[in-house]
Amino acid sequence: MFFYAKSNYTAELKLEIVQKYFNEKVSIYSLETGYGISKGDIRKWSIQFMHKTWNLWWRF
């Protein structure tokens, strides 16, 4: 499962939800460049979450 969130508070909320309910690694990457970062201003980056067994695209 992949998803991204672009708005400031929505991205932070979705990151928290994913970490809580899926307990998987979350990476932050730029939609513009496609380059990932380990940390940074989440308001300027998008969240990508990949679940090992699901093949769904979630857009918030």
N, C-alpha and C. Protein backbone atom coordinates (compact mmCIF):
# COMPACT_ATOMS: atom_id res chain seq x y z
N MET A 1 0.85 -1.19 0.00
CA MET A 1 0.00 0.00 0.00
C MET A 1 0.88 1.23 0.00
N PHE A 2 0.59 2.13 -0.88
CA PHE A 2 1.31 3.39 -0.94
C PHE A 2 0.32 4.53 -0.68
N PHE A 3 0.77 5.56 -0.02
CA PHE A 3 -0.08 6.73 0.08
C PHE A 3 0.77 7.97 0.28
N TYR A 4 0.18 9.11 0.01
CA TYR A 4 0.87 10.36 0.25
C TYR A 4 -0.11 11.41 0.74
N ALA A 5 0.40 12.37 1.46
CA ALA A 5 -0.42 13.48 1.95
C ALA A 5 0.39 14.75 1.77
N LYS A 6 -0.22 15.78 1.25
CA LYS A 6 0.52 17.00 0.94
C LYS A 6 0.26 18.13 1.92
N SER A 7 -0.93 18.18 2.51
CA SER A 7 -1.21 19.28 3.43
C SER A 7 -0.44 19.10 4.73
N ASN A 8 -0.17 20.20 5.40
CA ASN A 8 0.72 20.19 6.55
C ASN A 8 0.23 19.29 7.67
N TYR A 9 -0.92 19.60 8.24
CA TYR A 9 -1.39 18.84 9.39
C TYR A 9 -1.87 17.45 8.99
N THR A 10 -2.37 17.32 7.77
CA THR A 10 -2.83 16.01 7.32
C THR A 10 -1.67 15.03 7.21
N ALA A 11 -0.55 15.49 6.68
CA ALA A 11 0.62 14.62 6.54
C ALA A 11 1.09 14.14 7.90
N GLU A 12 1.14 15.04 8.88
CA GLU A 12 1.58 14.66 10.20
C GLU A 12 0.62 13.66 10.84
N LEU A 13 -0.68 13.88 10.65
CA LEU A 13 -1.69 12.99 11.21
C LEU A 13 -1.61 11.61 10.58
N LYS A 14 -1.48 11.56 9.27
CA LYS A 14 -1.44 10.27 8.59
C LYS A 14 -0.18 9.50 8.97
N LEU A 15 0.94 10.19 9.13
CA LEU A 15 2.17 9.54 9.55
C LEU A 15 1.99 8.89 10.91
N GLU A 16 1.33 9.59 11.82
CA GLU A 16 1.08 9.06 13.16
C GLU A 16 0.18 7.83 13.09
N ILE A 17 -0.85 7.90 12.27
CA ILE A 17 -1.78 6.77 12.13
C ILE A 17 -1.07 5.54 11.58
N VAL A 18 -0.26 5.74 10.57
CA VAL A 18 0.45 4.61 9.97
C VAL A 18 1.40 3.97 10.96
N GLN A 19 2.15 4.78 11.68
CA GLN A 19 3.09 4.23 12.65
C GLN A 19 2.36 3.47 13.74
N LYS A 20 1.18 3.93 14.10
CA LYS A 20 0.45 3.31 15.20
C LYS A 20 -0.22 2.01 14.79
N TYR A 21 -0.90 2.01 13.65
CA TYR A 21 -1.74 0.88 13.29
C TYR A 21 -1.04 -0.14 12.40
N PHE A 22 -0.03 0.27 11.65
CA PHE A 22 0.63 -0.65 10.75
C PHE A 22 2.02 -1.05 11.23
N ASN A 23 2.62 -0.21 12.05
CA ASN A 23 3.92 -0.52 12.64
C ASN A 23 4.93 -0.93 11.58
N GLU A 24 4.96 -0.16 10.51
CA GLU A 24 5.92 -0.42 9.44
C GLU A 24 6.81 0.80 9.27
N LYS A 25 7.88 0.62 8.53
CA LYS A 25 8.79 1.73 8.31
C LYS A 25 8.16 2.75 7.37
N VAL A 26 8.24 4.00 7.74
CA VAL A 26 7.71 5.08 6.92
C VAL A 26 8.87 5.93 6.42
N SER A 27 8.90 6.17 5.14
CA SER A 27 9.92 7.03 4.55
C SER A 27 9.27 8.29 4.02
N ILE A 28 10.03 9.36 3.99
CA ILE A 28 9.53 10.64 3.49
C ILE A 28 10.26 10.95 2.19
N TYR A 29 9.51 11.32 1.17
CA TYR A 29 10.13 11.59 -0.11
C TYR A 29 9.48 12.79 -0.78
N SER A 30 10.18 13.36 -1.73
CA SER A 30 9.70 14.53 -2.45
C SER A 30 8.94 14.11 -3.70
N LEU A 31 7.72 14.62 -3.87
CA LEU A 31 6.97 14.34 -5.08
C LEU A 31 7.63 14.98 -6.29
N GLU A 32 8.32 16.09 -6.08
CA GLU A 32 8.92 16.81 -7.19
C GLU A 32 10.16 16.11 -7.72
N THR A 33 11.02 15.63 -6.81
CA THR A 33 12.29 15.06 -7.24
C THR A 33 12.32 13.54 -7.13
N GLY A 34 11.51 12.99 -6.23
CA GLY A 34 11.52 11.55 -6.04
C GLY A 34 12.62 11.07 -5.11
N TYR A 35 13.41 12.02 -4.57
CA TYR A 35 14.48 11.63 -3.67
C TYR A 35 13.97 11.54 -2.25
N GLY A 36 14.35 10.49 -1.55
CA GLY A 36 13.90 10.30 -0.18
C GLY A 36 14.84 10.93 0.83
N ILE A 37 14.31 11.22 2.01
CA ILE A 37 15.12 11.72 3.11
C ILE A 37 14.71 10.97 4.38
N SER A 38 15.64 10.87 5.31
CA SER A 38 15.34 10.17 6.55
C SER A 38 14.63 11.06 7.54
N LYS A 39 14.86 12.36 7.45
CA LYS A 39 14.17 13.30 8.32
C LYS A 39 14.12 14.66 7.63
N GLY A 40 13.23 15.51 8.09
CA GLY A 40 13.11 16.83 7.49
C GLY A 40 11.76 17.44 7.78
N ASP A 41 11.48 18.55 7.13
CA ASP A 41 10.22 19.24 7.32
C ASP A 41 9.12 18.46 6.61
N ILE A 42 8.27 17.81 7.38
CA ILE A 42 7.24 16.95 6.79
C ILE A 42 6.24 17.77 5.98
N ARG A 43 6.17 19.07 6.25
CA ARG A 43 5.23 19.91 5.52
C ARG A 43 5.66 20.12 4.08
N LYS A 44 6.95 19.90 3.80
CA LYS A 44 7.46 20.10 2.45
C LYS A 44 7.65 18.78 1.71
N TRP A 45 7.38 17.70 2.39
CA TRP A 45 7.59 16.39 1.79
C TRP A 45 6.32 15.57 1.87
N SER A 46 6.28 14.48 1.16
CA SER A 46 5.13 13.59 1.18
C SER A 46 5.52 12.29 1.85
N ILE A 47 4.51 11.58 2.31
CA ILE A 47 4.75 10.34 3.04
C ILE A 47 4.48 9.15 2.13
N GLN A 48 5.37 8.23 2.15
CA GLN A 48 5.18 7.00 1.37
C GLN A 48 5.21 5.82 2.33
N PHE A 49 4.17 5.04 2.29
CA PHE A 49 4.10 3.86 3.14
C PHE A 49 3.85 2.64 2.28
N MET A 50 4.67 1.64 2.42
CA MET A 50 4.50 0.45 1.62
C MET A 50 4.23 -0.75 2.53
N HIS A 51 3.09 -1.36 2.33
CA HIS A 51 2.75 -2.56 3.08
C HIS A 51 3.20 -3.78 2.30
N LYS A 52 3.66 -4.78 3.00
CA LYS A 52 4.27 -5.92 2.32
C LYS A 52 3.26 -6.74 1.52
N THR A 53 2.00 -6.74 1.92
CA THR A 53 1.05 -7.65 1.29
C THR A 53 -0.04 -6.95 0.48
N TRP A 54 -0.21 -5.64 0.64
CA TRP A 54 -1.29 -4.95 -0.05
C TRP A 54 -0.79 -4.25 -1.30
N ASN A 55 -1.64 -4.13 -2.28
CA ASN A 55 -1.30 -3.43 -3.52
C ASN A 55 -2.34 -2.35 -3.80
N LEU A 56 -2.53 -1.48 -2.86
CA LEU A 56 -3.54 -0.43 -2.99
C LEU A 56 -2.87 0.94 -2.97
N TRP A 57 -3.46 1.86 -3.71
CA TRP A 57 -3.01 3.25 -3.66
C TRP A 57 -4.00 4.06 -2.83
N TRP A 58 -3.53 4.69 -1.80
CA TRP A 58 -4.38 5.56 -0.98
C TRP A 58 -3.95 7.00 -1.19
N ARG A 59 -4.90 7.84 -1.53
CA ARG A 59 -4.59 9.26 -1.70
C ARG A 59 -5.42 10.06 -0.73
N PHE A 60 -4.78 10.89 0.06
CA PHE A 60 -5.48 11.69 1.06
C PHE A 60 -5.57 13.14 0.61
